[in-house]
């Protein structure tokens, strides 16, 4: 629903726009994108990932899913949590992230640029 749901909060860029922008900006990076409204599918994607890093926007599951937290903790791939909006400035129930504690870092409130910053973090850590 990116680009459609609450554009005043999340902007008008779609997921496809974001994917294209990341692929263009980081042309030397191989991306795999996954999106689901189903918690189990997100957990499966995390556990089946073969990557140097994962950028995750857990959306509402960030604040409610112990299962998603456990999935992140169970993999050896580092995860950066990203939120387009500043979750600390939103409703009280959004202030706490269950998943951030098992991620290497979290970016919140910087809009779509947060995804770019997360990828840049992983690129800067490359050793090859």
N, C-alpha and C. Protein backbone atom coordinates (compact mmCIF):
# COMPACT_ATOMS: atom_id res chain seq x y z
N UNK A 1 0.81 -1.20 0.00
CA UNK A 1 0.00 0.00 0.00
C UNK A 1 0.85 1.27 0.00
N UNK A 2 2.17 1.09 -0.08
CA UNK A 2 3.05 2.26 -0.11
C UNK A 2 2.70 3.14 -1.31
N UNK A 3 2.55 4.40 -1.05
CA UNK A 3 2.16 5.34 -2.10
C UNK A 3 0.66 5.57 -2.15
N UNK A 4 -0.10 4.71 -1.49
CA UNK A 4 -1.56 4.80 -1.48
C UNK A 4 -2.06 5.10 -0.07
N UNK A 5 -1.60 4.31 0.90
CA UNK A 5 -2.05 4.45 2.29
C UNK A 5 -1.41 5.68 2.94
N UNK A 6 -2.22 6.55 3.46
CA UNK A 6 -1.77 7.72 4.21
C UNK A 6 -0.55 8.41 3.58
N UNK A 7 -0.71 8.95 2.37
CA UNK A 7 0.44 9.59 1.71
C UNK A 7 0.99 10.78 2.50
N UNK A 8 0.18 11.38 3.35
CA UNK A 8 0.67 12.48 4.18
C UNK A 8 1.67 11.99 5.22
N UNK A 9 1.63 10.70 5.56
CA UNK A 9 2.56 10.10 6.51
C UNK A 9 3.69 9.38 5.79
N UNK A 10 3.33 8.60 4.75
CA UNK A 10 4.29 7.71 4.12
C UNK A 10 4.77 8.17 2.75
N UNK A 11 4.24 9.27 2.24
CA UNK A 11 4.65 9.78 0.94
C UNK A 11 3.89 9.13 -0.20
N UNK A 12 4.22 9.54 -1.40
CA UNK A 12 3.48 9.06 -2.58
C UNK A 12 4.28 8.05 -3.41
N UNK A 13 5.54 7.79 -3.03
CA UNK A 13 6.32 6.81 -3.75
C UNK A 13 5.77 5.41 -3.49
N UNK A 14 5.70 4.61 -4.53
CA UNK A 14 5.22 3.24 -4.40
C UNK A 14 6.39 2.30 -4.08
N UNK A 15 6.06 1.08 -3.75
CA UNK A 15 7.10 0.08 -3.52
C UNK A 15 7.92 -0.12 -4.79
N UNK A 16 7.28 -0.11 -5.92
CA UNK A 16 7.99 -0.25 -7.20
C UNK A 16 8.95 0.93 -7.40
N UNK A 17 8.51 2.15 -7.06
CA UNK A 17 9.39 3.32 -7.14
C UNK A 17 10.62 3.15 -6.25
N UNK A 18 10.39 2.66 -5.04
CA UNK A 18 11.48 2.45 -4.09
C UNK A 18 12.46 1.40 -4.62
N UNK A 19 11.93 0.32 -5.13
CA UNK A 19 12.79 -0.74 -5.67
C UNK A 19 13.65 -0.21 -6.81
N UNK A 20 13.05 0.56 -7.70
CA UNK A 20 13.78 1.12 -8.84
C UNK A 20 14.85 2.10 -8.36
N UNK A 21 14.49 2.95 -7.41
CA UNK A 21 15.45 3.94 -6.90
C UNK A 21 16.64 3.26 -6.23
N UNK A 22 16.39 2.24 -5.44
CA UNK A 22 17.50 1.52 -4.79
C UNK A 22 18.37 0.81 -5.81
N UNK A 23 17.75 0.15 -6.77
CA UNK A 23 18.51 -0.56 -7.81
C UNK A 23 19.35 0.40 -8.64
N UNK A 24 18.82 1.59 -8.91
CA UNK A 24 19.57 2.58 -9.68
C UNK A 24 20.71 3.18 -8.87
N UNK A 25 20.44 3.50 -7.62
CA UNK A 25 21.45 4.14 -6.78
C UNK A 25 22.57 3.18 -6.40
N UNK A 26 22.22 1.93 -6.21
CA UNK A 26 23.20 0.91 -5.80
C UNK A 26 23.26 -0.16 -6.89
N UNK A 27 23.74 0.23 -8.06
CA UNK A 27 23.72 -0.67 -9.21
C UNK A 27 24.64 -1.87 -9.04
N UNK A 28 25.58 -1.80 -8.10
CA UNK A 28 26.48 -2.92 -7.86
C UNK A 28 25.96 -3.87 -6.78
N UNK A 29 24.74 -3.65 -6.32
CA UNK A 29 24.13 -4.48 -5.28
C UNK A 29 23.03 -5.34 -5.91
N UNK A 30 23.00 -6.60 -5.55
CA UNK A 30 21.91 -7.48 -5.97
C UNK A 30 20.82 -7.43 -4.91
N UNK A 31 19.63 -7.08 -5.33
CA UNK A 31 18.51 -6.95 -4.41
C UNK A 31 17.51 -8.08 -4.60
N UNK A 32 16.88 -8.42 -3.54
CA UNK A 32 15.72 -9.30 -3.54
C UNK A 32 14.70 -8.62 -2.65
N UNK A 33 13.51 -8.41 -3.15
CA UNK A 33 12.48 -7.70 -2.40
C UNK A 33 11.35 -8.67 -2.04
N UNK A 34 10.84 -8.54 -0.84
CA UNK A 34 9.71 -9.34 -0.40
C UNK A 34 8.74 -8.43 0.34
N UNK A 35 7.48 -8.66 0.14
CA UNK A 35 6.45 -7.88 0.84
C UNK A 35 5.28 -8.81 1.08
N UNK A 36 4.71 -8.73 2.27
CA UNK A 36 3.54 -9.54 2.58
C UNK A 36 2.76 -8.91 3.71
N UNK A 37 1.48 -9.17 3.70
CA UNK A 37 0.61 -8.78 4.81
C UNK A 37 0.49 -9.91 5.82
N UNK A 38 1.20 -11.00 5.57
CA UNK A 38 1.09 -12.19 6.41
C UNK A 38 2.39 -12.40 7.19
N UNK A 39 2.26 -12.40 8.49
CA UNK A 39 3.40 -12.52 9.38
C UNK A 39 4.26 -13.74 9.06
N UNK A 40 3.64 -14.89 8.85
CA UNK A 40 4.38 -16.11 8.57
C UNK A 40 5.19 -16.03 7.30
N UNK A 41 4.67 -15.35 6.29
CA UNK A 41 5.41 -15.19 5.04
C UNK A 41 6.64 -14.32 5.24
N UNK A 42 6.53 -13.31 6.09
CA UNK A 42 7.70 -12.48 6.41
C UNK A 42 8.75 -13.29 7.16
N UNK A 43 8.30 -14.11 8.08
CA UNK A 43 9.21 -14.97 8.84
C UNK A 43 9.91 -15.94 7.89
N UNK A 44 9.14 -16.55 6.99
CA UNK A 44 9.73 -17.46 6.00
C UNK A 44 10.78 -16.74 5.15
N UNK A 45 10.47 -15.53 4.72
CA UNK A 45 11.41 -14.76 3.88
C UNK A 45 12.70 -14.48 4.65
N UNK A 46 12.60 -14.13 5.91
CA UNK A 46 13.79 -13.90 6.73
C UNK A 46 14.62 -15.17 6.85
N UNK A 47 13.97 -16.27 7.16
CA UNK A 47 14.68 -17.52 7.41
C UNK A 47 15.24 -18.15 6.15
N UNK A 48 14.70 -17.80 4.99
CA UNK A 48 15.18 -18.35 3.72
C UNK A 48 16.13 -17.41 2.99
N UNK A 49 16.36 -16.24 3.55
CA UNK A 49 17.19 -15.23 2.89
C UNK A 49 18.63 -15.71 2.75
N UNK A 50 19.21 -15.33 1.64
CA UNK A 50 20.63 -15.58 1.38
C UNK A 50 21.20 -14.22 0.97
N UNK A 51 21.66 -13.46 1.96
CA UNK A 51 22.06 -12.08 1.70
C UNK A 51 23.12 -11.65 2.70
N UNK A 52 23.78 -10.54 2.36
CA UNK A 52 24.75 -9.95 3.28
C UNK A 52 24.07 -9.09 4.33
N UNK A 53 22.86 -8.66 4.04
CA UNK A 53 22.11 -7.83 4.97
C UNK A 53 20.66 -7.76 4.57
N UNK A 54 19.82 -7.46 5.55
CA UNK A 54 18.38 -7.34 5.31
C UNK A 54 17.93 -5.99 5.83
N UNK A 55 17.16 -5.29 4.99
CA UNK A 55 16.50 -4.05 5.39
C UNK A 55 15.04 -4.42 5.60
N UNK A 56 14.56 -4.21 6.80
CA UNK A 56 13.22 -4.67 7.16
C UNK A 56 12.35 -3.53 7.67
N UNK A 57 11.20 -3.37 7.06
CA UNK A 57 10.15 -2.54 7.62
C UNK A 57 9.05 -3.49 8.01
N UNK A 58 8.99 -3.79 9.27
CA UNK A 58 8.01 -4.74 9.79
C UNK A 58 6.61 -4.16 9.95
N UNK A 59 6.47 -2.88 9.62
CA UNK A 59 5.17 -2.19 9.73
C UNK A 59 4.56 -2.46 11.10
N UNK A 60 3.28 -2.74 11.16
CA UNK A 60 2.60 -2.95 12.43
C UNK A 60 3.14 -4.12 13.23
N UNK A 61 3.72 -5.12 12.53
CA UNK A 61 4.29 -6.26 13.23
C UNK A 61 5.47 -5.85 14.11
N UNK A 62 6.10 -4.73 13.80
CA UNK A 62 7.20 -4.20 14.61
C UNK A 62 6.79 -4.09 16.07
N UNK A 63 5.55 -3.69 16.30
CA UNK A 63 5.08 -3.37 17.64
C UNK A 63 4.34 -4.52 18.31
N UNK A 64 4.10 -5.61 17.56
CA UNK A 64 3.24 -6.67 18.09
C UNK A 64 3.80 -8.08 17.98
N UNK A 65 4.78 -8.30 17.14
CA UNK A 65 5.15 -9.67 16.79
C UNK A 65 6.40 -10.19 17.49
N UNK A 66 6.19 -10.98 18.49
CA UNK A 66 7.29 -11.69 19.12
C UNK A 66 7.85 -12.72 18.14
N UNK A 67 7.00 -13.30 17.31
CA UNK A 67 7.44 -14.29 16.32
C UNK A 67 8.40 -13.67 15.31
N UNK A 68 8.11 -12.46 14.85
CA UNK A 68 9.01 -11.78 13.91
C UNK A 68 10.33 -11.47 14.61
N UNK A 69 10.26 -11.02 15.85
CA UNK A 69 11.48 -10.76 16.63
C UNK A 69 12.32 -12.02 16.75
N UNK A 70 11.68 -13.13 17.09
CA UNK A 70 12.39 -14.39 17.23
C UNK A 70 13.02 -14.84 15.92
N UNK A 71 12.33 -14.60 14.81
CA UNK A 71 12.87 -14.96 13.49
C UNK A 71 14.13 -14.15 13.19
N UNK A 72 14.10 -12.87 13.48
CA UNK A 72 15.29 -12.04 13.26
C UNK A 72 16.45 -12.53 14.12
N UNK A 73 16.14 -12.83 15.38
CA UNK A 73 17.17 -13.30 16.30
C UNK A 73 17.76 -14.65 15.89
N UNK A 74 16.99 -15.43 15.14
CA UNK A 74 17.42 -16.79 14.79
C UNK A 74 18.31 -16.86 13.56
N UNK A 75 18.45 -15.76 12.83
CA UNK A 75 19.26 -15.79 11.61
C UNK A 75 20.60 -15.09 11.85
N UNK A 76 21.57 -15.45 11.04
CA UNK A 76 22.89 -14.84 11.21
C UNK A 76 23.08 -13.61 10.32
N UNK A 77 22.13 -13.32 9.47
CA UNK A 77 22.21 -12.15 8.59
C UNK A 77 21.84 -10.91 9.39
N UNK A 78 22.67 -9.86 9.35
CA UNK A 78 22.31 -8.64 10.07
C UNK A 78 21.09 -7.96 9.44
N UNK A 79 20.26 -7.40 10.30
CA UNK A 79 19.02 -6.74 9.87
C UNK A 79 19.03 -5.30 10.36
N UNK A 80 18.67 -4.38 9.48
CA UNK A 80 18.43 -2.99 9.86
C UNK A 80 16.94 -2.75 9.74
N UNK A 81 16.35 -2.27 10.82
CA UNK A 81 14.93 -1.95 10.83
C UNK A 81 14.74 -0.53 10.30
N UNK A 82 13.79 -0.36 9.39
CA UNK A 82 13.52 0.96 8.80
C UNK A 82 12.03 1.28 8.92
N UNK A 83 11.76 2.52 9.29
CA UNK A 83 10.39 3.04 9.30
C UNK A 83 10.39 4.39 8.60
N UNK A 84 9.47 4.56 7.70
CA UNK A 84 9.36 5.81 6.94
C UNK A 84 9.01 6.96 7.88
N UNK A 85 8.05 6.73 8.75
CA UNK A 85 7.65 7.78 9.70
C UNK A 85 8.44 7.63 10.99
N UNK A 86 8.43 8.68 11.78
CA UNK A 86 9.10 8.66 13.08
C UNK A 86 8.17 7.98 14.07
N UNK A 87 8.42 6.72 14.36
CA UNK A 87 7.50 5.97 15.22
C UNK A 87 7.45 6.54 16.64
N UNK A 88 8.49 7.22 17.06
CA UNK A 88 8.50 7.82 18.40
C UNK A 88 7.60 9.05 18.49
N UNK A 89 7.24 9.61 17.34
CA UNK A 89 6.39 10.80 17.32
C UNK A 89 4.94 10.46 16.97
N UNK A 90 4.63 9.19 16.90
CA UNK A 90 3.30 8.75 16.51
C UNK A 90 2.51 8.30 17.73
N UNK A 91 1.50 7.50 17.52
CA UNK A 91 0.66 7.01 18.61
C UNK A 91 1.50 6.24 19.62
N UNK A 92 1.08 6.26 20.87
CA UNK A 92 1.85 5.61 21.94
C UNK A 92 2.19 4.16 21.63
N UNK A 93 1.25 3.41 21.05
CA UNK A 93 1.50 2.00 20.80
C UNK A 93 2.61 1.77 19.77
N UNK A 94 2.95 2.80 19.00
CA UNK A 94 4.03 2.67 18.01
C UNK A 94 5.40 3.03 18.58
N UNK A 95 5.46 3.53 19.78
CA UNK A 95 6.73 3.99 20.36
C UNK A 95 7.70 2.85 20.65
N UNK A 96 7.19 1.66 20.89
CA UNK A 96 8.07 0.55 21.24
C UNK A 96 8.16 -0.45 20.09
N UNK A 97 9.37 -0.78 19.71
CA UNK A 97 9.62 -1.79 18.69
C UNK A 97 10.07 -3.07 19.37
N UNK A 98 9.34 -4.15 19.15
CA UNK A 98 9.76 -5.45 19.67
C UNK A 98 10.95 -5.99 18.89
N UNK A 99 11.10 -5.56 17.65
CA UNK A 99 12.13 -6.12 16.77
C UNK A 99 13.46 -5.38 16.80
N UNK A 100 13.47 -4.12 17.14
CA UNK A 100 14.70 -3.31 17.07
C UNK A 100 15.83 -3.88 17.91
N UNK A 101 15.51 -4.48 19.03
CA UNK A 101 16.54 -5.00 19.93
C UNK A 101 17.35 -6.15 19.37
N UNK A 102 16.85 -6.81 18.33
CA UNK A 102 17.61 -7.90 17.71
C UNK A 102 18.13 -7.51 16.33
N UNK A 103 18.01 -6.24 16.01
CA UNK A 103 18.55 -5.70 14.75
C UNK A 103 19.88 -4.99 15.04
N UNK A 104 20.72 -4.85 14.01
CA UNK A 104 21.98 -4.14 14.21
C UNK A 104 21.76 -2.64 14.32
N UNK A 105 20.62 -2.16 13.86
CA UNK A 105 20.31 -0.75 13.94
C UNK A 105 18.89 -0.49 13.50
N UNK A 106 18.45 0.73 13.72
CA UNK A 106 17.10 1.13 13.33
C UNK A 106 17.12 2.56 12.82
N UNK A 107 16.37 2.79 11.76
CA UNK A 107 16.25 4.12 11.16
C UNK A 107 14.77 4.45 11.13
N UNK A 108 14.42 5.60 11.65
CA UNK A 108 13.02 5.97 11.75
C UNK A 108 12.83 7.45 11.46
N UNK A 109 11.84 7.75 10.63
CA UNK A 109 11.46 9.14 10.43
C UNK A 109 12.15 9.87 9.29
N UNK A 110 12.96 9.18 8.52
CA UNK A 110 13.69 9.85 7.44
C UNK A 110 13.07 9.59 6.07
N UNK A 111 11.84 9.11 6.08
CA UNK A 111 11.15 8.84 4.83
C UNK A 111 11.82 7.71 4.07
N UNK A 112 11.62 7.73 2.76
CA UNK A 112 12.19 6.71 1.89
C UNK A 112 13.72 6.69 1.97
N UNK A 113 14.32 7.82 2.29
CA UNK A 113 15.77 7.89 2.40
C UNK A 113 16.31 6.89 3.43
N UNK A 114 15.50 6.53 4.41
CA UNK A 114 15.93 5.54 5.40
C UNK A 114 16.35 4.23 4.78
N UNK A 115 15.66 3.81 3.73
CA UNK A 115 16.03 2.58 3.03
C UNK A 115 17.39 2.73 2.37
N UNK A 116 17.62 3.87 1.75
CA UNK A 116 18.90 4.14 1.10
C UNK A 116 20.03 4.13 2.14
N UNK A 117 19.79 4.74 3.28
CA UNK A 117 20.80 4.77 4.33
C UNK A 117 21.10 3.37 4.86
N UNK A 118 20.09 2.55 4.97
CA UNK A 118 20.29 1.18 5.44
C UNK A 118 21.14 0.39 4.45
N UNK A 119 20.83 0.52 3.15
CA UNK A 119 21.64 -0.16 2.14
C UNK A 119 23.07 0.37 2.16
N UNK A 120 23.22 1.69 2.29
CA UNK A 120 24.56 2.29 2.35
C UNK A 120 25.35 1.72 3.52
N UNK A 121 24.68 1.49 4.64
CA UNK A 121 25.35 0.88 5.80
C UNK A 121 25.95 -0.48 5.41
N UNK A 122 25.15 -1.31 4.75
CA UNK A 122 25.64 -2.62 4.36
C UNK A 122 26.75 -2.52 3.32
N UNK A 123 26.62 -1.61 2.38
CA UNK A 123 27.66 -1.42 1.36
C UNK A 123 28.97 -1.00 2.03
N UNK A 124 28.90 -0.13 3.01
CA UNK A 124 30.11 0.36 3.67
C UNK A 124 30.81 -0.73 4.48
N UNK A 125 30.12 -1.79 4.80
CA UNK A 125 30.68 -2.89 5.59
C UNK A 125 31.28 -3.99 4.73
N UNK A 126 31.15 -3.87 3.43
CA UNK A 126 31.69 -4.90 2.53
C UNK A 126 33.18 -5.05 2.73
N UNK A 127 33.63 -6.28 2.64
CA UNK A 127 35.06 -6.55 2.77
C UNK A 127 35.67 -7.07 1.47
N UNK A 128 34.84 -7.28 0.44
CA UNK A 128 35.38 -7.82 -0.81
C UNK A 128 35.93 -6.77 -1.71
